[in-house]
Protein backbone atom coordinates (compact mmCIF):
# COMPACT_ATOMS: atom_id res chain seq x y z
CA MET A 1 -83.27 -114.64 -20.90
CA THR A 2 -82.76 -111.44 -22.91
CA ASP A 3 -84.70 -108.22 -22.63
CA LEU A 4 -86.21 -108.97 -26.04
CA ASP A 5 -87.54 -112.32 -24.81
CA LEU A 6 -89.00 -110.71 -21.70
CA SER A 7 -90.60 -108.00 -23.81
CA THR A 8 -92.16 -110.61 -26.11
CA ILE A 9 -93.51 -112.65 -23.18
CA THR A 10 -94.92 -109.51 -21.56
CA ARG A 11 -96.60 -108.50 -24.80
CA ILE A 12 -98.14 -111.96 -25.27
CA ARG A 13 -99.41 -112.02 -21.69
CA ARG A 14 -100.91 -108.56 -22.06
CA ARG A 15 -102.68 -109.60 -25.25
CA HIS A 16 -104.11 -112.71 -23.57
CA HIS A 17 -105.26 -110.67 -20.57
CA LEU A 18 -106.98 -108.20 -22.87
CA ARG A 19 -108.69 -111.03 -24.76
CA THR A 20 -109.90 -112.53 -21.49
CA LEU A 21 -111.18 -109.14 -20.33
CA ALA A 22 -112.99 -108.65 -23.64
CA VAL A 23 -114.64 -112.08 -23.38
CA VAL A 24 -115.74 -111.37 -19.82
CA VAL A 25 -117.12 -107.90 -20.63
CA VAL A 26 -119.01 -109.11 -23.70
CA GLY A 27 -120.31 -112.18 -21.85
CA VAL A 28 -121.56 -110.15 -18.88
CA ALA A 29 -123.17 -107.61 -21.21
CA LEU A 30 -124.89 -110.43 -23.11
CA CYS A 31 -126.23 -111.94 -19.88
CA LEU A 32 -127.57 -108.63 -18.61
CA GLY A 33 -128.96 -107.68 -22.02
CA LEU A 34 -130.82 -110.97 -22.37
CA LEU A 35 -132.14 -110.65 -18.83
CA LEU A 36 -133.56 -107.19 -19.54
CA ILE A 37 -135.03 -108.33 -22.85
CA THR A 38 -136.94 -111.18 -21.19
CA PHE A 39 -138.95 -108.68 -19.16
CA GLY A 40 -140.78 -107.65 -22.31
CA LEU A 41 -141.17 -111.04 -24.02
CA GLY A 42 -144.22 -113.28 -24.10
CA ALA A 43 -147.91 -112.61 -23.54
CA ALA A 44 -147.24 -111.22 -20.05
CA GLY A 45 -144.28 -109.09 -21.12
CA VAL A 46 -143.76 -105.67 -19.58
CA PRO A 47 -142.45 -102.91 -21.90
CA PRO A 48 -139.13 -101.24 -21.03
CA GLU A 49 -140.68 -98.00 -19.79
CA ARG A 50 -142.44 -100.04 -17.08
CA SER A 51 -140.02 -102.94 -16.56
CA PHE A 52 -137.05 -100.78 -15.58
CA PRO A 53 -138.92 -99.03 -12.72
CA ALA A 54 -140.41 -102.40 -11.69
CA LEU A 55 -136.91 -103.78 -11.40
CA PHE A 56 -136.38 -101.30 -8.54
CA GLY A 57 -139.78 -101.87 -6.93
CA VAL A 58 -141.69 -99.08 -8.67
CA GLY A 59 -144.89 -99.92 -10.56
CA ASP A 60 -148.24 -101.67 -10.27
CA ARG A 61 -148.67 -105.15 -8.84
CA PHE A 62 -148.76 -106.87 -12.24
CA ASP A 63 -145.46 -105.32 -13.37
CA LEU A 64 -143.76 -106.18 -10.08
CA LEU A 65 -145.07 -109.76 -10.28
CA VAL A 66 -143.77 -110.32 -13.80
CA VAL A 67 -140.40 -108.62 -13.35
CA GLN A 68 -139.42 -109.39 -9.76
CA ASP A 69 -141.22 -112.66 -9.05
CA LEU A 70 -141.14 -114.42 -12.43
CA ARG A 71 -138.56 -113.17 -14.93
CA LEU A 72 -135.75 -111.89 -12.68
CA PRO A 73 -135.33 -115.05 -10.52
CA ARG A 74 -135.50 -117.28 -13.59
CA GLY A 75 -132.90 -115.26 -15.48
CA LEU A 76 -130.52 -115.02 -12.54
CA ALA A 77 -130.88 -118.76 -11.90
CA ALA A 78 -129.95 -119.50 -15.52
CA ILE A 79 -126.91 -117.23 -15.36
CA ILE A 80 -125.62 -118.50 -12.00
CA ALA A 81 -126.24 -122.18 -12.79
CA GLY A 82 -124.56 -121.74 -16.17
CA LEU A 83 -121.60 -120.04 -14.49
CA ALA A 84 -121.29 -122.98 -12.09
CA PHE A 85 -121.45 -125.57 -14.86
CA GLY A 86 -119.00 -123.64 -17.04
CA LEU A 87 -116.44 -123.28 -14.25
CA ALA A 88 -116.87 -126.91 -13.16
CA GLY A 89 -116.33 -128.10 -16.72
CA ALA A 90 -113.17 -126.03 -17.06
CA LEU A 91 -111.82 -127.42 -13.77
CA PHE A 92 -112.56 -131.01 -14.78
CA GLN A 93 -111.09 -130.67 -18.27
CA SER A 94 -107.91 -128.86 -17.22
CA THR A 95 -107.33 -131.07 -14.16
CA LEU A 96 -107.86 -134.37 -16.02
CA ARG A 97 -106.32 -133.05 -19.26
CA ASN A 98 -109.22 -134.38 -21.30
CA ASN A 99 -111.73 -132.31 -23.27
CA LEU A 100 -114.35 -135.03 -22.71
CA ALA A 101 -114.08 -134.74 -18.93
CA SER A 102 -117.41 -133.03 -18.39
CA PRO A 103 -119.48 -133.57 -15.20
CA ASP A 104 -122.58 -134.60 -17.15
CA ILE A 105 -120.67 -137.16 -19.24
CA LEU A 106 -118.87 -138.46 -16.13
CA GLY A 107 -122.08 -139.11 -14.20
CA ILE A 108 -121.84 -136.32 -11.60
CA SER A 109 -125.01 -134.66 -12.89
CA GLY A 110 -126.60 -138.09 -13.31
CA GLY A 111 -125.92 -138.82 -9.65
CA ALA A 112 -127.67 -135.60 -8.67
CA SER A 113 -130.67 -136.50 -10.82
CA LEU A 114 -130.82 -139.98 -9.32
CA GLY A 115 -130.75 -138.56 -5.80
CA ALA A 116 -133.62 -136.16 -6.54
CA VAL A 117 -135.74 -138.73 -8.39
CA THR A 118 -135.24 -141.27 -5.58
CA ALA A 119 -136.27 -138.71 -2.96
CA VAL A 120 -139.48 -137.81 -4.84
CA VAL A 121 -140.53 -141.25 -6.10
CA GLY A 122 -139.24 -143.36 -3.25
CA TYR A 123 -139.95 -141.14 -0.25
CA GLY A 124 -142.42 -138.48 -1.42
CA ALA A 125 -139.98 -135.67 -0.58
CA SER A 126 -140.41 -132.11 -1.77
CA GLY A 127 -138.79 -128.69 -1.52
CA VAL A 128 -135.43 -128.39 0.20
CA ALA A 129 -135.27 -132.14 0.89
CA VAL A 130 -135.18 -132.81 -2.86
CA ASN A 131 -132.41 -130.25 -3.34
CA LEU A 132 -130.36 -131.88 -0.57
CA ALA A 133 -130.93 -135.33 -2.07
CA ALA A 134 -129.72 -134.06 -5.46
CA GLY A 135 -126.55 -132.64 -3.91
CA ALA A 136 -125.95 -135.88 -1.99
CA GLY A 137 -126.41 -137.87 -5.20
CA ALA A 138 -123.79 -135.81 -7.03
CA LEU A 139 -121.30 -136.22 -4.19
CA ALA A 140 -121.99 -139.98 -3.99
CA ALA A 141 -121.38 -140.37 -7.73
CA ALA A 142 -118.10 -138.45 -7.44
CA VAL A 143 -116.92 -140.60 -4.53
CA ALA A 144 -117.81 -143.78 -6.43
CA ILE A 145 -115.84 -142.63 -9.48
CA TRP A 146 -112.94 -141.62 -7.29
CA VAL A 147 -112.75 -144.97 -5.48
CA LEU A 148 -113.09 -147.04 -8.64
CA ALA A 149 -110.64 -144.94 -10.67
CA TRP A 150 -107.90 -144.65 -8.04
CA ARG A 151 -104.85 -146.79 -8.78
CA ASN A 152 -101.73 -145.39 -7.09
CA GLY A 153 -102.93 -141.95 -8.07
CA LEU A 154 -105.62 -140.25 -10.09
CA HIS A 155 -105.30 -140.69 -13.85
CA GLY A 156 -107.45 -138.76 -16.31
CA ILE A 157 -108.30 -141.53 -18.79
CA ARG A 158 -109.31 -144.03 -16.09
CA PHE A 159 -111.35 -141.35 -14.33
CA VAL A 160 -113.25 -140.57 -17.55
CA LEU A 161 -113.92 -144.22 -18.39
CA VAL A 162 -115.18 -145.01 -14.91
CA GLY A 163 -117.28 -141.84 -14.97
CA VAL A 164 -118.95 -142.85 -18.22
CA GLY A 165 -119.84 -146.19 -16.63
CA ILE A 166 -121.31 -144.44 -13.58
CA ALA A 167 -123.31 -142.15 -15.88
CA TYR A 168 -124.88 -145.15 -17.61
CA LEU A 169 -125.62 -146.77 -14.24
CA CYS A 170 -127.32 -143.60 -12.96
CA GLY A 171 -129.34 -143.33 -16.16
CA SER A 172 -130.57 -146.91 -15.83
CA LEU A 173 -131.55 -146.42 -12.18
CA ILE A 174 -133.39 -143.20 -13.05
CA SER A 175 -135.37 -145.03 -15.75
CA TRP A 176 -136.22 -147.76 -13.24
CA ARG A 177 -137.43 -145.18 -10.73
CA LEU A 178 -139.51 -143.40 -13.37
CA ALA A 179 -141.10 -146.69 -14.38
CA GLU A 180 -142.30 -147.07 -10.78
CA ALA A 181 -143.64 -143.52 -10.54
CA ASP A 182 -147.27 -142.56 -11.05
CA GLU A 183 -148.32 -139.75 -13.39
CA ARG A 184 -148.20 -137.04 -10.73
CA GLU A 185 -144.73 -138.01 -9.54
CA GLY A 186 -143.52 -138.30 -13.13
CA GLY A 187 -144.35 -134.65 -13.74
CA THR A 188 -142.64 -133.59 -10.53
CA VAL A 189 -139.35 -135.29 -11.36
CA LEU A 190 -139.24 -134.07 -14.96
CA LEU A 191 -136.97 -131.21 -13.87
CA TRP A 192 -134.41 -133.65 -12.53
CA THR A 193 -134.07 -135.49 -15.85
CA ILE A 194 -133.79 -132.60 -18.33
CA GLY A 195 -132.89 -129.40 -16.44
CA SER A 196 -135.03 -126.28 -16.04
CA VAL A 197 -134.91 -122.92 -14.27
CA ALA A 198 -138.66 -122.29 -14.51
CA ASP A 199 -139.47 -122.86 -10.83
CA VAL A 200 -136.46 -121.31 -9.10
CA ARG A 201 -137.56 -118.80 -6.47
CA ASP A 202 -135.84 -116.29 -4.17
CA GLY A 203 -134.93 -118.65 -1.31
CA THR A 204 -133.45 -121.32 -3.54
CA LEU A 205 -131.80 -118.69 -5.72
CA GLY A 206 -130.11 -117.15 -2.69
CA THR A 207 -128.72 -120.51 -1.63
CA LEU A 208 -127.41 -121.13 -5.14
CA ALA A 209 -125.82 -117.69 -5.39
CA LEU A 210 -124.09 -117.87 -2.00
CA GLY A 211 -122.85 -121.42 -2.55
CA VAL A 212 -121.47 -120.68 -6.00
CA ALA A 213 -119.84 -117.47 -4.76
CA ALA A 214 -118.08 -119.37 -1.96
CA LEU A 215 -116.77 -122.03 -4.36
CA VAL A 216 -115.62 -119.39 -6.86
CA LEU A 217 -113.57 -117.78 -4.08
CA LEU A 218 -112.03 -121.18 -3.32
CA THR A 219 -111.09 -121.47 -6.99
CA VAL A 220 -109.00 -118.29 -6.97
CA PRO A 221 -105.96 -119.77 -5.12
CA ILE A 222 -105.82 -122.85 -7.37
CA ALA A 223 -106.29 -121.04 -10.69
CA ARG A 224 -102.55 -120.74 -11.32
CA GLN A 225 -102.05 -124.42 -10.48
CA GLN A 226 -104.25 -125.45 -13.40
CA ARG A 227 -101.67 -124.33 -15.96
CA ALA A 228 -98.98 -126.35 -14.23
CA LEU A 229 -101.19 -129.44 -14.07
CA ALA A 230 -101.86 -129.14 -17.78
CA LEU A 231 -98.12 -129.59 -18.41
CA GLY A 232 -98.04 -133.02 -16.71
CA ASP A 233 -97.11 -134.36 -13.30
CA GLU A 234 -93.33 -134.07 -13.73
CA HIS A 235 -93.49 -130.41 -14.70
CA ALA A 236 -95.95 -129.70 -11.89
CA GLN A 237 -93.65 -131.32 -9.35
CA GLY A 238 -90.75 -129.32 -10.75
CA LEU A 239 -92.73 -126.16 -10.06
CA GLY A 240 -93.27 -127.24 -6.46
CA LEU A 241 -96.83 -128.55 -6.75
CA GLY A 242 -98.19 -131.83 -5.45
CA PRO A 243 -100.19 -133.06 -8.49
CA THR A 244 -102.47 -135.42 -6.58
CA ARG A 245 -103.36 -132.89 -3.90
CA SER A 246 -103.96 -130.15 -6.49
CA ARG A 247 -106.18 -132.43 -8.57
CA VAL A 248 -108.18 -133.56 -5.57
CA LEU A 249 -108.85 -129.97 -4.51
CA ALA A 250 -109.82 -128.81 -8.01
CA LEU A 251 -112.15 -131.75 -8.60
CA LEU A 252 -113.79 -131.33 -5.19
CA ILE A 253 -114.59 -127.72 -6.04
CA GLY A 254 -115.92 -128.82 -9.45
CA VAL A 255 -118.14 -131.46 -7.85
CA GLY A 256 -119.47 -128.89 -5.38
CA LEU A 257 -120.36 -126.51 -8.20
CA VAL A 258 -122.18 -129.24 -10.13
CA ALA A 259 -124.00 -130.45 -7.02
CA LEU A 260 -125.25 -126.94 -6.22
CA ALA A 261 -126.33 -126.09 -9.75
CA THR A 262 -127.99 -129.46 -10.38
CA ALA A 263 -129.76 -129.39 -7.01
CA VAL A 264 -131.48 -126.16 -8.05
CA ALA A 265 -131.81 -126.34 -11.85
CA GLY A 266 -131.41 -130.01 -12.68
CA PRO A 267 -128.81 -131.51 -15.04
CA ILE A 268 -128.56 -128.82 -17.73
CA ALA A 269 -126.85 -130.85 -20.41
CA PHE A 270 -123.55 -130.08 -22.14
CA VAL A 271 -122.94 -126.58 -20.72
CA ALA A 272 -119.97 -127.91 -18.73
CA LEU A 273 -118.66 -129.55 -21.92
CA VAL A 274 -119.20 -126.77 -24.45
CA ALA A 275 -118.58 -123.57 -22.44
CA PRO A 276 -114.88 -124.27 -21.68
CA ALA A 277 -114.24 -125.20 -25.32
CA ILE A 278 -115.75 -121.92 -26.53
CA ALA A 279 -113.88 -119.95 -23.86
CA ARG A 280 -110.50 -121.51 -24.67
CA ARG A 281 -110.95 -120.73 -28.35
CA LEU A 282 -111.91 -117.12 -27.63
CA VAL A 283 -109.08 -116.52 -25.16
CA ASP A 284 -106.54 -118.56 -27.13
CA ASP A 285 -103.77 -118.64 -24.54
CA GLY A 286 -103.45 -122.40 -24.08
CA GLY A 287 -104.66 -122.24 -20.48
CA PRO A 288 -107.77 -123.50 -18.69
CA ALA A 289 -109.64 -120.18 -19.18
CA LEU A 290 -111.52 -120.53 -15.89
CA VAL A 291 -112.94 -117.00 -15.76
CA ALA A 292 -113.94 -116.98 -19.42
CA SER A 293 -115.53 -120.44 -19.10
CA SER A 294 -117.67 -119.21 -16.22
CA VAL A 295 -118.96 -116.20 -18.14
CA VAL A 296 -119.53 -118.19 -21.34
CA GLY A 297 -121.42 -120.83 -19.33
CA GLY A 298 -123.74 -118.20 -17.88
CA ALA A 299 -124.35 -116.55 -21.26
CA LEU A 300 -124.90 -119.89 -23.01
CA THR A 301 -127.45 -121.05 -20.42
CA MET A 302 -129.30 -117.73 -20.41
CA LEU A 303 -129.42 -117.63 -24.21
CA SER A 304 -130.65 -121.23 -24.37
CA ASP A 305 -133.43 -120.53 -21.88
CA VAL A 306 -134.60 -117.48 -23.87
CA VAL A 307 -134.58 -119.49 -27.11
CA GLY A 308 -136.44 -122.38 -25.48
CA GLN A 309 -139.15 -120.11 -24.11
CA TYR A 310 -139.75 -117.65 -26.91
CA TYR A 311 -138.01 -118.51 -30.18
CA LEU A 312 -138.65 -122.15 -31.03
CA PRO A 313 -140.57 -122.74 -34.28
CA GLY A 314 -144.30 -123.34 -34.16
CA GLY A 315 -144.76 -121.53 -30.86
CA LEU A 316 -143.27 -124.47 -28.96
CA THR A 317 -141.54 -124.08 -25.60
CA ALA A 318 -138.84 -126.26 -24.08
CA PRO A 319 -136.81 -126.32 -20.85
CA VAL A 320 -133.28 -125.00 -21.05
CA GLY A 321 -131.80 -128.51 -20.74
CA ILE A 322 -133.37 -129.61 -24.01
CA VAL A 323 -132.01 -126.60 -25.90
CA THR A 324 -128.48 -127.03 -24.53
CA GLY A 325 -128.71 -130.73 -25.41
CA LEU A 326 -129.57 -129.89 -29.01
CA VAL A 327 -126.52 -127.63 -29.15
CA GLY A 328 -124.13 -129.84 -27.21
CA ALA A 329 -124.84 -133.25 -28.75
CA PRO A 330 -123.49 -132.31 -32.23
CA TYR A 331 -120.40 -130.80 -30.58
CA LEU A 332 -119.79 -134.02 -28.65
CA LEU A 333 -120.08 -136.09 -31.84
CA TRP A 334 -117.65 -133.75 -33.59
CA LEU A 335 -115.23 -133.92 -30.68
CA LEU A 336 -115.34 -137.73 -30.66
CA ALA A 337 -114.79 -137.88 -34.43
CA ARG A 338 -111.91 -135.41 -34.21
CA SER A 339 -110.29 -137.35 -31.35
CA ASP A 340 -110.64 -140.59 -33.31
CA ARG A 341 -108.95 -139.08 -36.37
CA LYS A 342 -106.06 -137.85 -34.23
CA ALA A 343 -105.65 -141.30 -32.71
CA THR A 344 -105.36 -142.93 -36.14
CA VAL A 345 -102.94 -140.42 -37.64
């Protein structure tokens, strides 16, 4: 390889790194900006000259209640859950080499919802028990997909097809459980069918933050492996990687992220599908864009929650999962149509 080739590669890498840094900086600024803006929105909004001191514990009881007990936990929950969904989606899509390989489409989020709904409707559970049941449901769905899709190795297309089947099964079982529920239970489990960050509080938020932070740290050593996996098994083996082992590890981390986020905020639809697609287009380096996907996921979820609470027409309000569904469903239809055109060319 000549010095000119090395210089060109170095320049391209530097440009991609700068683009990634720009996406991360803008995404973080957007998240923080939206979080600060929410302090002053709505009938109980606190103006900036009072909300900033309240953020640090200075102010009257009303300001502290609005800023520290209501708006701050909700905003942080949206950002952290969105980060988890965005990173999980990027891991799934790069590992399985399929842009449709999103945890909500594959039934991982549906498994979490089924676990929570079953705990509430079937056993009258509440609080932490419901969160644990949601996490167990996500893990059970992942194991079921894994077992049914495994045929002398893990193949992306089979994994996606089996996952779609599991998603439909979970949806049917959730409907059955809801049909058995009374009116009070139906309201309780609404979170676990659409996704919301309205009721996240400090204890649950701390668990979410610590769990996501631990899984993000586990992602760091496998980040470089994702590019090799995207080239195919033969190229990955040529680079000294065991494709099956690398895929298993990446997907386990992705399942853990989805289980944590869904256990706290419910199945926020399409963030795991859309955030990596946006991130890859912004970074434009042909890689999995894990860091950018995380930041875009957090910003997308935070923005959707703000829109759902304060900017819907007619003074309506909606949980974040409904807003992300309205954004993600058209993208999914476009992606399916685009994939179908490519298949027929």
